[in-house]
Full PDB file with SEQRES, HELIX, SHEET, SSBOND, CRYST1, ORIGX, SCALE, CONECT and MASTER records, all heavy atoms in Angstrom:
SEQRES   1 A   44  GLU GLY VAL GLU ILE TYR GLU VAL LYS SER SER THR LYS          
SEQRES   2 A   44  ILE ASP GLU VAL TYR ILE ASP ASP ALA SER TYR GLN TYR          
SEQRES   3 A   44  PHE VAL LEU SER ASN LEU GLY LEU ASN VAL LYS LYS VAL          
SEQRES   4 A   44  SER ILE VAL TYR ILE                                          
HELIX    1 AA1 GLU A   16  ASN A   31  1                                  16    
SHEET    1 AA1 2 VAL A   3  VAL A   8  0                                        
SHEET    2 AA1 2 VAL A  36  VAL A  42  1                                        
CRYST1    1.000    1.000    1.000  90.00  90.00  90.00 P 1           1          
ORIGX1      1.000000  0.000000  0.000000        0.00000                         
ORIGX2      0.000000  1.000000  0.000000        0.00000                         
ORIGX3      0.000000  0.000000  1.000000        0.00000                         
SCALE1      1.000000  0.000000  0.000000        0.00000                         
SCALE2      0.000000  1.000000  0.000000        0.00000                         
SCALE3      0.000000  0.000000  1.000000        0.00000                         
ATOM      1  N   GLU A   1     -56.824  17.152  57.169  1.00  0.00           N  
ATOM      2  CA  GLU A   1     -55.586  17.106  57.935  1.00  0.00           C  
ATOM      3  C   GLU A   1     -54.684  18.330  57.734  1.00  0.00           C  
ATOM      4  O   GLU A   1     -53.807  18.539  58.546  1.00  0.00           O  
ATOM      5  CB  GLU A   1     -54.809  15.844  57.546  1.00  0.00           C  
ATOM      6  CG  GLU A   1     -55.524  14.548  57.881  1.00  0.00           C  
ATOM      7  CD  GLU A   1     -54.746  13.325  57.382  1.00  0.00           C  
ATOM      8  OE1 GLU A   1     -53.655  13.490  56.826  1.00  0.00           O  
ATOM      9  OE2 GLU A   1     -55.229  12.203  57.603  1.00  0.00           O  
ATOM     10  N   GLY A   2     -54.964  19.095  56.662  1.00  0.00           N  
ATOM     11  CA  GLY A   2     -54.094  20.254  56.395  1.00  0.00           C  
ATOM     12  C   GLY A   2     -54.084  20.607  54.938  1.00  0.00           C  
ATOM     13  O   GLY A   2     -55.010  20.238  54.165  1.00  0.00           O  
ATOM     14  N   VAL A   3     -52.986  21.239  54.495  1.00  0.00           N  
ATOM     15  CA  VAL A   3     -52.923  21.715  53.075  1.00  0.00           C  
ATOM     16  C   VAL A   3     -51.575  21.285  52.498  1.00  0.00           C  
ATOM     17  O   VAL A   3     -50.590  21.006  53.202  1.00  0.00           O  
ATOM     18  CB  VAL A   3     -53.067  23.280  53.000  1.00  0.00           C  
ATOM     19  CG1 VAL A   3     -54.444  23.704  53.467  1.00  0.00           C  
ATOM     20  CG2 VAL A   3     -51.983  23.962  53.779  1.00  0.00           C  
ATOM     21  N   GLU A   4     -51.539  21.205  51.183  1.00  0.00           N  
ATOM     22  CA  GLU A   4     -50.317  20.973  50.422  1.00  0.00           C  
ATOM     23  C   GLU A   4     -50.155  22.107  49.409  1.00  0.00           C  
ATOM     24  O   GLU A   4     -51.097  22.527  48.758  1.00  0.00           O  
ATOM     25  CB  GLU A   4     -50.406  19.656  49.673  1.00  0.00           C  
ATOM     26  CG  GLU A   4     -50.585  18.438  50.573  1.00  0.00           C  
ATOM     27  CD  GLU A   4     -50.696  17.127  49.826  1.00  0.00           C  
ATOM     28  OE1 GLU A   4     -50.606  17.186  48.592  1.00  0.00           O  
ATOM     29  OE2 GLU A   4     -50.912  16.044  50.469  1.00  0.00           O  
ATOM     30  N   ILE A   5     -48.893  22.623  49.330  1.00  0.00           N  
ATOM     31  CA  ILE A   5     -48.608  23.727  48.464  1.00  0.00           C  
ATOM     32  C   ILE A   5     -47.916  23.162  47.168  1.00  0.00           C  
ATOM     33  O   ILE A   5     -46.987  22.358  47.275  1.00  0.00           O  
ATOM     34  CB  ILE A   5     -47.616  24.722  49.113  1.00  0.00           C  
ATOM     35  CG1 ILE A   5     -48.325  25.476  50.268  1.00  0.00           C  
ATOM     36  CG2 ILE A   5     -47.037  25.732  48.132  1.00  0.00           C  
ATOM     37  CD1 ILE A   5     -47.372  26.270  51.153  1.00  0.00           C  
ATOM     38  N   TYR A   6     -48.407  23.600  46.016  1.00  0.00           N  
ATOM     39  CA  TYR A   6     -47.728  23.221  44.746  1.00  0.00           C  
ATOM     40  C   TYR A   6     -47.403  24.493  44.008  1.00  0.00           C  
ATOM     41  O   TYR A   6     -48.323  25.239  43.574  1.00  0.00           O  
ATOM     42  CB  TYR A   6     -48.712  22.337  43.915  1.00  0.00           C  
ATOM     43  CG  TYR A   6     -48.921  20.958  44.521  1.00  0.00           C  
ATOM     44  CD1 TYR A   6     -49.875  20.812  45.484  1.00  0.00           C  
ATOM     45  CD2 TYR A   6     -48.095  19.885  44.197  1.00  0.00           C  
ATOM     46  CE1 TYR A   6     -50.070  19.528  46.103  1.00  0.00           C  
ATOM     47  CE2 TYR A   6     -48.267  18.600  44.781  1.00  0.00           C  
ATOM     48  CZ  TYR A   6     -49.268  18.466  45.743  1.00  0.00           C  
ATOM     49  OH  TYR A   6     -49.456  17.238  46.316  1.00  0.00           O  
ATOM     50  N   GLU A   7     -46.157  24.815  43.896  1.00  0.00           N  
ATOM     51  CA  GLU A   7     -45.635  25.977  43.177  1.00  0.00           C  
ATOM     52  C   GLU A   7     -45.308  25.568  41.764  1.00  0.00           C  
ATOM     53  O   GLU A   7     -44.464  24.705  41.517  1.00  0.00           O  
ATOM     54  CB  GLU A   7     -44.409  26.562  43.926  1.00  0.00           C  
ATOM     55  CG  GLU A   7     -43.716  27.664  43.204  1.00  0.00           C  
ATOM     56  CD  GLU A   7     -44.567  28.913  43.030  1.00  0.00           C  
ATOM     57  OE1 GLU A   7     -45.604  29.014  43.692  1.00  0.00           O  
ATOM     58  OE2 GLU A   7     -44.181  29.781  42.242  1.00  0.00           O  
ATOM     59  N   VAL A   8     -45.909  26.198  40.794  1.00  0.00           N  
ATOM     60  CA  VAL A   8     -45.765  25.826  39.360  1.00  0.00           C  
ATOM     61  C   VAL A   8     -44.725  26.717  38.659  1.00  0.00           C  
ATOM     62  O   VAL A   8     -44.837  27.990  38.791  1.00  0.00           O  
ATOM     63  CB  VAL A   8     -47.124  25.950  38.645  1.00  0.00           C  
ATOM     64  CG1 VAL A   8     -46.972  25.564  37.153  1.00  0.00           C  
ATOM     65  CG2 VAL A   8     -48.175  25.110  39.317  1.00  0.00           C  
ATOM     66  N   LYS A   9     -43.822  26.133  37.983  1.00  0.00           N  
ATOM     67  CA  LYS A   9     -42.804  26.823  37.266  1.00  0.00           C  
ATOM     68  C   LYS A   9     -42.744  26.386  35.788  1.00  0.00           C  
ATOM     69  O   LYS A   9     -42.988  25.200  35.489  1.00  0.00           O  
ATOM     70  CB  LYS A   9     -41.420  26.612  37.859  1.00  0.00           C  
ATOM     71  CG  LYS A   9     -41.257  27.156  39.302  1.00  0.00           C  
ATOM     72  CD  LYS A   9     -41.482  28.604  39.398  1.00  0.00           C  
ATOM     73  CE  LYS A   9     -41.340  29.147  40.771  1.00  0.00           C  
ATOM     74  NZ  LYS A   9     -41.673  30.605  40.909  1.00  0.00           N  
ATOM     75  N   SER A  10     -42.428  27.289  34.886  1.00  0.00           N  
ATOM     76  CA  SER A  10     -42.361  26.924  33.462  1.00  0.00           C  
ATOM     77  C   SER A  10     -40.967  26.446  33.083  1.00  0.00           C  
ATOM     78  O   SER A  10     -40.681  26.193  31.911  1.00  0.00           O  
ATOM     79  CB  SER A  10     -42.732  28.164  32.656  1.00  0.00           C  
ATOM     80  OG  SER A  10     -41.883  29.269  32.903  1.00  0.00           O  
ATOM     81  N   SER A  11     -40.070  26.282  34.076  1.00  0.00           N  
ATOM     82  CA  SER A  11     -38.761  25.794  33.834  1.00  0.00           C  
ATOM     83  C   SER A  11     -38.732  24.293  33.660  1.00  0.00           C  
ATOM     84  O   SER A  11     -39.696  23.598  33.978  1.00  0.00           O  
ATOM     85  CB  SER A  11     -37.818  26.235  35.006  1.00  0.00           C  
ATOM     86  OG  SER A  11     -36.558  25.654  34.870  1.00  0.00           O  
ATOM     87  N   THR A  12     -37.567  23.771  33.180  1.00  0.00           N  
ATOM     88  CA  THR A  12     -37.411  22.329  33.040  1.00  0.00           C  
ATOM     89  C   THR A  12     -36.535  21.748  34.152  1.00  0.00           C  
ATOM     90  O   THR A  12     -36.157  20.595  34.101  1.00  0.00           O  
ATOM     91  CB  THR A  12     -36.804  21.997  31.665  1.00  0.00           C  
ATOM     92  OG1 THR A  12     -35.505  22.639  31.579  1.00  0.00           O  
ATOM     93  CG2 THR A  12     -37.670  22.464  30.560  1.00  0.00           C  
ATOM     94  N   LYS A  13     -36.184  22.558  35.132  1.00  0.00           N  
ATOM     95  CA  LYS A  13     -35.423  22.067  36.289  1.00  0.00           C  
ATOM     96  C   LYS A  13     -35.718  22.952  37.488  1.00  0.00           C  
ATOM     97  O   LYS A  13     -36.297  24.032  37.330  1.00  0.00           O  
ATOM     98  CB  LYS A  13     -33.901  22.080  36.020  1.00  0.00           C  
ATOM     99  CG  LYS A  13     -33.321  23.406  35.643  1.00  0.00           C  
ATOM    100  CD  LYS A  13     -31.814  23.280  35.284  1.00  0.00           C  
ATOM    101  CE  LYS A  13     -31.227  24.635  34.927  1.00  0.00           C  
ATOM    102  NZ  LYS A  13     -31.150  25.553  36.065  1.00  0.00           N  
ATOM    103  N   ILE A  14     -35.302  22.488  38.684  1.00  0.00           N  
ATOM    104  CA  ILE A  14     -35.575  23.275  39.907  1.00  0.00           C  
ATOM    105  C   ILE A  14     -34.355  24.126  40.210  1.00  0.00           C  
ATOM    106  O   ILE A  14     -33.316  23.585  40.499  1.00  0.00           O  
ATOM    107  CB  ILE A  14     -35.962  22.342  41.035  1.00  0.00           C  
ATOM    108  CG1 ILE A  14     -37.256  21.623  40.677  1.00  0.00           C  
ATOM    109  CG2 ILE A  14     -36.093  23.120  42.326  1.00  0.00           C  
ATOM    110  CD1 ILE A  14     -37.705  20.645  41.788  1.00  0.00           C  
ATOM    111  N   ASP A  15     -34.507  25.433  40.239  1.00  0.00           N  
ATOM    112  CA  ASP A  15     -33.452  26.317  40.649  1.00  0.00           C  
ATOM    113  C   ASP A  15     -33.650  26.692  42.171  1.00  0.00           C  
ATOM    114  O   ASP A  15     -34.767  26.593  42.692  1.00  0.00           O  
ATOM    115  CB  ASP A  15     -33.458  27.622  39.857  1.00  0.00           C  
ATOM    116  CG  ASP A  15     -33.051  27.383  38.445  1.00  0.00           C  
ATOM    117  OD1 ASP A  15     -32.204  26.499  38.229  1.00  0.00           O  
ATOM    118  OD2 ASP A  15     -33.539  28.080  37.517  1.00  0.00           O  
ATOM    119  N   GLU A  16     -32.566  27.126  42.796  1.00  0.00           N  
ATOM    120  CA  GLU A  16     -32.616  27.454  44.188  1.00  0.00           C  
ATOM    121  C   GLU A  16     -33.619  28.540  44.522  1.00  0.00           C  
ATOM    122  O   GLU A  16     -34.266  28.538  45.587  1.00  0.00           O  
ATOM    123  CB  GLU A  16     -31.204  27.891  44.681  1.00  0.00           C  
ATOM    124  CG  GLU A  16     -31.137  28.132  46.183  1.00  0.00           C  
ATOM    125  CD  GLU A  16     -31.384  26.887  47.011  1.00  0.00           C  
ATOM    126  OE1 GLU A  16     -31.131  25.758  46.497  1.00  0.00           O  
ATOM    127  OE2 GLU A  16     -31.831  27.053  48.147  1.00  0.00           O  
ATOM    128  N   VAL A  17     -33.807  29.472  43.551  1.00  0.00           N  
ATOM    129  CA  VAL A  17     -34.774  30.569  43.782  1.00  0.00           C  
ATOM    130  C   VAL A  17     -36.222  30.040  43.929  1.00  0.00           C  
ATOM    131  O   VAL A  17     -37.001  30.611  44.610  1.00  0.00           O  
ATOM    132  CB  VAL A  17     -34.674  31.612  42.691  1.00  0.00           C  
ATOM    133  CG1 VAL A  17     -35.153  31.094  41.343  1.00  0.00           C  
ATOM    134  CG2 VAL A  17     -35.467  32.885  43.040  1.00  0.00           C  
ATOM    135  N   TYR A  18     -36.446  28.853  43.301  1.00  0.00           N  
ATOM    136  CA  TYR A  18     -37.805  28.271  43.448  1.00  0.00           C  
ATOM    137  C   TYR A  18     -38.003  27.768  44.845  1.00  0.00           C  
ATOM    138  O   TYR A  18     -39.151  27.788  45.380  1.00  0.00           O  
ATOM    139  CB  TYR A  18     -38.019  27.106  42.417  1.00  0.00           C  
ATOM    140  CG  TYR A  18     -37.818  27.509  40.993  1.00  0.00           C  
ATOM    141  CD1 TYR A  18     -37.604  26.571  40.018  1.00  0.00           C  
ATOM    142  CD2 TYR A  18     -37.856  28.833  40.605  1.00  0.00           C  
ATOM    143  CE1 TYR A  18     -37.398  26.909  38.688  1.00  0.00           C  
ATOM    144  CE2 TYR A  18     -37.691  29.234  39.239  1.00  0.00           C  
ATOM    145  CZ  TYR A  18     -37.481  28.192  38.300  1.00  0.00           C  
ATOM    146  OH  TYR A  18     -37.278  28.547  36.976  1.00  0.00           O  
ATOM    147  N   ILE A  19     -36.959  27.271  45.444  1.00  0.00           N  
ATOM    148  CA  ILE A  19     -37.050  26.847  46.869  1.00  0.00           C  
ATOM    149  C   ILE A  19     -37.302  28.050  47.783  1.00  0.00           C  
ATOM    150  O   ILE A  19     -38.088  27.975  48.716  1.00  0.00           O  
ATOM    151  CB  ILE A  19     -35.782  26.107  47.293  1.00  0.00           C  
ATOM    152  CG1 ILE A  19     -35.430  24.944  46.356  1.00  0.00           C  
ATOM    153  CG2 ILE A  19     -35.951  25.581  48.734  1.00  0.00           C  
ATOM    154  CD1 ILE A  19     -36.505  23.874  46.242  1.00  0.00           C  
ATOM    155  N   ASP A  20     -36.658  29.168  47.465  1.00  0.00           N  
ATOM    156  CA  ASP A  20     -36.898  30.388  48.207  1.00  0.00           C  
ATOM    157  C   ASP A  20     -38.391  30.807  48.086  1.00  0.00           C  
ATOM    158  O   ASP A  20     -39.026  31.155  49.098  1.00  0.00           O  
ATOM    159  CB  ASP A  20     -36.016  31.514  47.703  1.00  0.00           C  
ATOM    160  CG  ASP A  20     -34.548  31.384  48.112  1.00  0.00           C  
ATOM    161  OD1 ASP A  20     -34.266  30.702  49.124  1.00  0.00           O  
ATOM    162  OD2 ASP A  20     -33.693  31.897  47.384  1.00  0.00           O  
ATOM    163  N   ASP A  21     -38.873  30.747  46.885  1.00  0.00           N  
ATOM    164  CA  ASP A  21     -40.296  31.091  46.605  1.00  0.00           C  
ATOM    165  C   ASP A  21     -41.217  30.209  47.442  1.00  0.00           C  
ATOM    166  O   ASP A  21     -42.114  30.712  48.188  1.00  0.00           O  
ATOM    167  CB  ASP A  21     -40.499  30.902  45.133  1.00  0.00           C  
ATOM    168  CG  ASP A  21     -41.875  31.467  44.669  1.00  0.00           C  
ATOM    169  OD1 ASP A  21     -42.816  31.424  45.448  1.00  0.00           O  
ATOM    170  OD2 ASP A  21     -41.922  31.878  43.452  1.00  0.00           O  
ATOM    171  N   ALA A  22     -41.011  28.897  47.337  1.00  0.00           N  
ATOM    172  CA  ALA A  22     -41.891  27.964  48.091  1.00  0.00           C  
ATOM    173  C   ALA A  22     -41.731  28.107  49.620  1.00  0.00           C  
ATOM    174  O   ALA A  22     -42.735  28.002  50.348  1.00  0.00           O  
ATOM    175  CB  ALA A  22     -41.568  26.577  47.670  1.00  0.00           C  
ATOM    176  N   SER A  23     -40.527  28.397  50.030  1.00  0.00           N  
ATOM    177  CA  SER A  23     -40.262  28.552  51.475  1.00  0.00           C  
ATOM    178  C   SER A  23     -40.992  29.757  52.045  1.00  0.00           C  
ATOM    179  O   SER A  23     -41.471  29.743  53.198  1.00  0.00           O  
ATOM    180  CB  SER A  23     -38.735  28.667  51.736  1.00  0.00           C  
ATOM    181  OG  SER A  23     -38.080  27.529  51.288  1.00  0.00           O  
ATOM    182  N   TYR A  24     -41.017  30.820  51.220  1.00  0.00           N  
ATOM    183  CA  TYR A  24     -41.737  32.022  51.668  1.00  0.00           C  
ATOM    184  C   TYR A  24     -43.242  31.752  51.839  1.00  0.00           C  
ATOM    185  O   TYR A  24     -43.879  32.156  52.818  1.00  0.00           O  
ATOM    186  CB  TYR A  24     -41.521  33.157  50.618  1.00  0.00           C  
ATOM    187  CG  TYR A  24     -42.342  34.391  50.816  1.00  0.00           C  
ATOM    188  CD1 TYR A  24     -41.888  35.375  51.711  1.00  0.00           C  
ATOM    189  CD2 TYR A  24     -43.532  34.580  50.151  1.00  0.00           C  
ATOM    190  CE1 TYR A  24     -42.611  36.531  51.887  1.00  0.00           C  
ATOM    191  CE2 TYR A  24     -44.276  35.736  50.365  1.00  0.00           C  
ATOM    192  CZ  TYR A  24     -43.806  36.676  51.226  1.00  0.00           C  
ATOM    193  OH  TYR A  24     -44.597  37.847  51.457  1.00  0.00           O  
ATOM    194  N   GLN A  25     -43.790  30.952  50.915  1.00  0.00           N  
ATOM    195  CA  GLN A  25     -45.220  30.601  51.030  1.00  0.00           C  
ATOM    196  C   GLN A  25     -45.427  29.733  52.255  1.00  0.00           C  
ATOM    197  O   GLN A  25     -46.420  29.928  52.981  1.00  0.00           O  
ATOM    198  CB  GLN A  25     -45.622  29.811  49.760  1.00  0.00           C  
ATOM    199  CG  GLN A  25     -45.594  30.672  48.526  1.00  0.00           C  
ATOM    200  CD  GLN A  25     -45.894  29.862  47.252  1.00  0.00           C  
ATOM    201  OE1 GLN A  25     -46.918  29.294  47.122  1.00  0.00           O  
ATOM    202  NE2 GLN A  25     -44.942  29.785  46.362  1.00  0.00           N  
ATOM    203  N   TYR A  26     -44.604  28.787  52.536  1.00  0.00           N  
ATOM    204  CA  TYR A  26     -44.687  27.975  53.760  1.00  0.00           C  
ATOM    205  C   TYR A  26     -44.653  28.886  55.039  1.00  0.00           C  
ATOM    206  O   TYR A  26     -45.443  28.706  55.954  1.00  0.00           O  
ATOM    207  CB  TYR A  26     -43.577  26.952  53.788  1.00  0.00           C  
ATOM    208  CG  TYR A  26     -43.637  26.023  54.974  1.00  0.00           C  
ATOM    209  CD1 TYR A  26     -44.190  24.772  54.866  1.00  0.00           C  
ATOM    210  CD2 TYR A  26     -43.080  26.402  56.174  1.00  0.00           C  
ATOM    211  CE1 TYR A  26     -44.267  23.902  55.990  1.00  0.00           C  
ATOM    212  CE2 TYR A  26     -43.129  25.549  57.295  1.00  0.00           C  
ATOM    213  CZ  TYR A  26     -43.668  24.286  57.193  1.00  0.00           C  
ATOM    214  OH  TYR A  26     -43.724  23.463  58.280  1.00  0.00           O  
ATOM    215  N   PHE A  27     -43.760  29.846  54.986  1.00  0.00           N  
ATOM    216  CA  PHE A  27     -43.635  30.741  56.128  1.00  0.00           C  
ATOM    217  C   PHE A  27     -44.941  31.479  56.382  1.00  0.00           C  
ATOM    218  O   PHE A  27     -45.433  31.528  57.524  1.00  0.00           O  
ATOM    219  CB  PHE A  27     -42.532  31.795  55.854  1.00  0.00           C  
ATOM    220  CG  PHE A  27     -42.383  32.913  56.851  1.00  0.00           C  
ATOM    221  CD1 PHE A  27     -41.640  32.676  58.008  1.00  0.00           C  
ATOM    222  CD2 PHE A  27     -43.026  34.105  56.705  1.00  0.00           C  
ATOM    223  CE1 PHE A  27     -41.537  33.657  58.960  1.00  0.00           C  
ATOM    224  CE2 PHE A  27     -42.932  35.112  57.604  1.00  0.00           C  
ATOM    225  CZ  PHE A  27     -42.164  34.856  58.778  1.00  0.00           C  
ATOM    226  N   VAL A  28     -45.584  31.983  55.337  1.00  0.00           N  
ATOM    227  CA  VAL A  28     -46.842  32.747  55.491  1.00  0.00           C  
ATOM    228  C   VAL A  28     -47.933  31.831  55.994  1.00  0.00           C  
ATOM    229  O   VAL A  28     -48.624  32.125  56.960  1.00  0.00           O  
ATOM    230  CB  VAL A  28     -47.241  33.423  54.156  1.00  0.00           C  
ATOM    231  CG1 VAL A  28     -48.637  34.050  54.232  1.00  0.00           C  
ATOM    232  CG2 VAL A  28     -46.194  34.483  53.769  1.00  0.00           C  
ATOM    233  N   LEU A  29     -48.105  30.714  55.321  1.00  0.00           N  
ATOM    234  CA  LEU A  29     -49.237  29.839  55.661  1.00  0.00           C  
ATOM    235  C   LEU A  29     -49.073  29.177  57.085  1.00  0.00           C  
ATOM    236  O   LEU A  29     -50.023  29.113  57.842  1.00  0.00           O  
ATOM    237  CB  LEU A  29     -49.398  28.735  54.631  1.00  0.00           C  
ATOM    238  CG  LEU A  29     -50.315  29.056  53.455  1.00  0.00           C  
ATOM    239  CD1 LEU A  29     -49.779  30.219  52.646  1.00  0.00           C  
ATOM    240  CD2 LEU A  29     -50.581  27.863  52.588  1.00  0.00           C  
ATOM    241  N   SER A  30     -47.867  28.730  57.377  1.00  0.00           N  
ATOM    242  CA  SER A  30     -47.650  28.079  58.667  1.00  0.00           C  
ATOM    243  C   SER A  30     -47.780  29.083  59.804  1.00  0.00           C  
ATOM    244  O   SER A  30     -48.312  28.726  60.905  1.00  0.00           O  
ATOM    245  CB  SER A  30     -46.319  27.388  58.710  1.00  0.00           C  
ATOM    246  OG  SER A  30     -45.237  28.327  58.529  1.00  0.00           O  
ATOM    247  N   ASN A  31     -47.393  30.316  59.638  1.00  0.00           N  
ATOM    248  CA  ASN A  31     -47.538  31.324  60.661  1.00  0.00           C  
ATOM    249  C   ASN A  31     -48.971  31.774  60.843  1.00  0.00           C  
ATOM    250  O   ASN A  31     -49.322  32.405  61.921  1.00  0.00           O  
ATOM    251  CB  ASN A  31     -46.663  32.521  60.405  1.00  0.00           C  
ATOM    252  CG  ASN A  31     -45.206  32.349  60.889  1.00  0.00           C  
ATOM    253  OD1 ASN A  31     -44.950  32.369  62.104  1.00  0.00           O  
ATOM    254  ND2 ASN A  31     -44.349  32.080  59.997  1.00  0.00           N  
ATOM    255  N   LEU A  32     -49.803  31.491  59.887  1.00  0.00           N  
ATOM    256  CA  LEU A  32     -51.239  31.746  60.046  1.00  0.00           C  
ATOM    257  C   LEU A  32     -51.946  30.577  60.718  1.00  0.00           C  
ATOM    258  O   LEU A  32     -53.162  30.610  60.888  1.00  0.00           O  
ATOM    259  CB  LEU A  32     -51.883  31.990  58.650  1.00  0.00           C  
ATOM    260  CG  LEU A  32     -51.491  33.323  58.007  1.00  0.00           C  
ATOM    261  CD1 LEU A  32     -51.941  33.359  56.521  1.00  0.00           C  
ATOM    262  CD2 LEU A  32     -52.127  34.501  58.757  1.00  0.00           C  
ATOM    263  N   GLY A  33     -51.206  29.542  61.089  1.00  0.00           N  
ATOM    264  CA  GLY A  33     -51.801  28.420  61.828  1.00  0.00           C  
ATOM    265  C   GLY A  33     -52.235  27.244  60.939  1.00  0.00           C  
ATOM    266  O   GLY A  33     -52.787  26.276  61.452  1.00  0.00           O  
ATOM    267  N   LEU A  34     -51.959  27.304  59.655  1.00  0.00           N  
ATOM    268  CA  LEU A  34     -52.316  26.180  58.812  1.00  0.00           C  
ATOM    269  C   LEU A  34     -51.316  25.084  58.902  1.00  0.00           C  
ATOM    270  O   LEU A  34     -50.115  25.323  58.994  1.00  0.00           O  
ATOM    271  CB  LEU A  34     -52.430  26.671  57.327  1.00  0.00           C  
ATOM    272  CG  LEU A  34     -53.583  27.593  57.020  1.00  0.00           C  
ATOM    273  CD1 LEU A  34     -53.355  28.240  55.670  1.00  0.00           C  
ATOM    274  CD2 LEU A  34     -54.901  26.851  57.047  1.00  0.00           C  
ATOM    275  N   ASN A  35     -51.749  23.865  58.867  1.00  0.00           N  
ATOM    276  CA  ASN A  35     -50.864  22.677  58.885  1.00  0.00           C  
ATOM    277  C   ASN A  35     -50.486  22.391  57.434  1.00  0.00           C  
ATOM    278  O   ASN A  35     -51.211  21.807  56.651  1.00  0.00           O  
ATOM    279  CB  ASN A  35     -51.564  21.469  59.487  1.00  0.00           C  
ATOM    280  CG  ASN A  35     -50.673  20.226  59.420  1.00  0.00           C  
ATOM    281  OD1 ASN A  35     -49.479  20.306  59.505  1.00  0.00           O  
ATOM    282  ND2 ASN A  35     -51.313  19.066  59.250  1.00  0.00           N  
ATOM    283  N   VAL A  36     -49.255  22.804  57.089  1.00  0.00           N  
ATOM    284  CA  VAL A  36     -48.704  22.587  55.732  1.00  0.00           C  
ATOM    285  C   VAL A  36     -48.039  21.221  55.706  1.00  0.00           C  
ATOM    286  O   VAL A  36     -46.967  21.052  56.208  1.00  0.00           O  
ATOM    287  CB  VAL A  36     -47.780  23.695  55.295  1.00  0.00           C  
ATOM    288  CG1 VAL A  36     -47.309  23.458  53.854  1.00  0.00           C  
ATOM    289  CG2 VAL A  36     -48.416  25.053  55.414  1.00  0.00           C  
ATOM    290  N   LYS A  37     -48.748  20.278  55.100  1.00  0.00           N  
ATOM    291  CA  LYS A  37     -48.274  18.867  55.126  1.00  0.00           C  
ATOM    292  C   LYS A  37     -47.147  18.603  54.134  1.00  0.00           C  
ATOM    293  O   LYS A  37     -46.225  17.842  54.391  1.00  0.00           O  
ATOM    294  CB  LYS A  37     -49.381  17.920  54.765  1.00  0.00           C  
ATOM    295  CG  LYS A  37     -50.560  17.948  55.769  1.00  0.00           C  
ATOM    296  CD  LYS A  37     -51.580  16.876  55.436  1.00  0.00           C  
ATOM    297  CE  LYS A  37     -52.157  17.076  54.042  1.00  0.00           C  
ATOM    298  NZ  LYS A  37     -53.083  16.003  53.659  1.00  0.00           N  
ATOM    299  N   LYS A  38     -47.207  19.319  53.020  1.00  0.00           N  
ATOM    300  CA  LYS A  38     -46.226  19.030  51.920  1.00  0.00           C  
ATOM    301  C   LYS A  38     -46.080  20.278  51.061  1.00  0.00           C  
ATOM    302  O   LYS A  38     -47.066  21.041  50.863  1.00  0.00           O  
ATOM    303  CB  LYS A  38     -46.638  17.858  51.109  1.00  0.00           C  
ATOM    304  CG  LYS A  38     -45.640  17.451  50.046  1.00  0.00           C  
ATOM    305  CD  LYS A  38     -45.938  16.030  49.497  1.00  0.00           C  
ATOM    306  CE  LYS A  38     -47.102  16.068  48.534  1.00  0.00           C  
ATOM    307  NZ  LYS A  38     -47.254  14.770  47.814  1.00  0.00           N  
ATOM    308  N   VAL A  39     -44.865  20.499  50.572  1.00  0.00           N  
ATOM    309  CA  VAL A  39     -44.636  21.560  49.590  1.00  0.00           C  
ATOM    310  C   VAL A  39     -43.887  20.909  48.392  1.00  0.00           C  
ATOM    311  O   VAL A  39     -42.929  20.151  48.558  1.00  0.00           O  
ATOM    312  CB  VAL A  39     -43.708  22.663  50.168  1.00  0.00           C  
ATOM    313  CG1 VAL A  39     -43.515  23.774  49.153  1.00  0.00           C  
ATOM    314  CG2 VAL A  39     -44.302  23.206  51.462  1.00  0.00           C  
ATOM    315  N   SER A  40     -44.392  21.196  47.190  1.00  0.00           N  
ATOM    316  CA  SER A  40     -43.853  20.567  45.973  1.00  0.00           C  
ATOM    317  C   SER A  40     -43.658  21.651  44.922  1.00  0.00           C  
ATOM    318  O   SER A  40     -44.399  22.629  44.819  1.00  0.00           O  
ATOM    319  CB  SER A  40     -44.753  19.463  45.477  1.00  0.00           C  
ATOM    320  OG  SER A  40     -44.809  18.403  46.374  1.00  0.00           O  
ATOM    321  N   ILE A  41     -42.649  21.401  44.065  1.00  0.00           N  
ATOM    322  CA  ILE A  41     -42.435  22.226  42.852  1.00  0.00           C  
ATOM    323  C   ILE A  41     -42.984  21.436  41.658  1.00  0.00           C  
ATOM    324  O   ILE A  41     -42.632  20.241  41.473  1.00  0.00           O  
ATOM    325  CB  ILE A  41     -40.983  22.535  42.614  1.00  0.00           C  
ATOM    326  CG1 ILE A  41     -40.356  23.192  43.861  1.00  0.00           C  
ATOM    327  CG2 ILE A  41     -40.815  23.446  41.396  1.00  0.00           C  
ATOM    328  CD1 ILE A  41     -40.864  24.537  44.172  1.00  0.00           C  
ATOM    329  N   VAL A  42     -43.777  22.074  40.848  1.00  0.00           N  
ATOM    330  CA  VAL A  42     -44.353  21.480  39.607  1.00  0.00           C  
ATOM    331  C   VAL A  42     -43.563  22.159  38.468  1.00  0.00           C  
ATOM    332  O   VAL A  42     -43.558  23.338  38.395  1.00  0.00           O  
ATOM    333  CB  VAL A  42     -45.855  21.721  39.486  1.00  0.00           C  
ATOM    334  CG1 VAL A  42     -46.362  21.125  38.156  1.00  0.00           C  
ATOM    335  CG2 VAL A  42     -46.577  21.183  40.675  1.00  0.00           C  
ATOM    336  N   TYR A  43     -42.923  21.371  37.627  1.00  0.00           N  
ATOM    337  CA  TYR A  43     -42.144  21.921  36.557  1.00  0.00           C  
ATOM    338  C   TYR A  43     -42.271  21.076  35.278  1.00  0.00           C  
ATOM    339  O   TYR A  43     -42.910  20.002  35.286  1.00  0.00           O  
ATOM    340  CB  TYR A  43     -40.674  22.156  36.959  1.00  0.00           C  
ATOM    341  CG  TYR A  43     -39.923  20.902  37.346  1.00  0.00           C  
ATOM    342  CD1 TYR A  43     -38.989  20.337  36.496  1.00  0.00           C  
ATOM    343  CD2 TYR A  43     -40.159  20.249  38.563  1.00  0.00           C  
ATOM    344  CE1 TYR A  43     -38.286  19.185  36.857  1.00  0.00           C  
ATOM    345  CE2 TYR A  43     -39.461  19.147  38.907  1.00  0.00           C  
ATOM    346  CZ  TYR A  43     -38.493  18.605  38.069  1.00  0.00           C  
ATOM    347  OH  TYR A  43     -37.827  17.486  38.421  1.00  0.00           O  
ATOM    348  N   ILE A  44     -41.675  21.546  34.192  1.00  0.00           N  
ATOM    349  CA  ILE A  44     -41.845  20.942  32.867  1.00  0.00           C  
ATOM    350  C   ILE A  44     -40.925  19.758  32.670  1.00  0.00           C  
ATOM    351  O   ILE A  44     -39.724  19.822  32.957  1.00  0.00           O  
ATOM    352  CB  ILE A  44     -41.621  21.958  31.760  1.00  0.00           C  
ATOM    353  CG1 ILE A  44     -42.642  23.122  31.839  1.00  0.00           C  
ATOM    354  CG2 ILE A  44     -41.650  21.351  30.413  1.00  0.00           C  
ATOM    355  CD1 ILE A  44     -44.066  22.734  31.494  1.00  0.00           C  
TER     356      ILE A  44                                                      
MASTER        0    0    0    1    2    0    0    6  355    1    0    4          
END                                                                             
């Protein structure tokens, strides 16, 4: 059905810059025609 992105961080909370990071990845993959079903941050 598509792909799911998991961005891994060594932090103990989610900062706004992590959303920027994941959003950039979504931009690249979705513009290549991939169906990005979900984007998640993995943290400590």
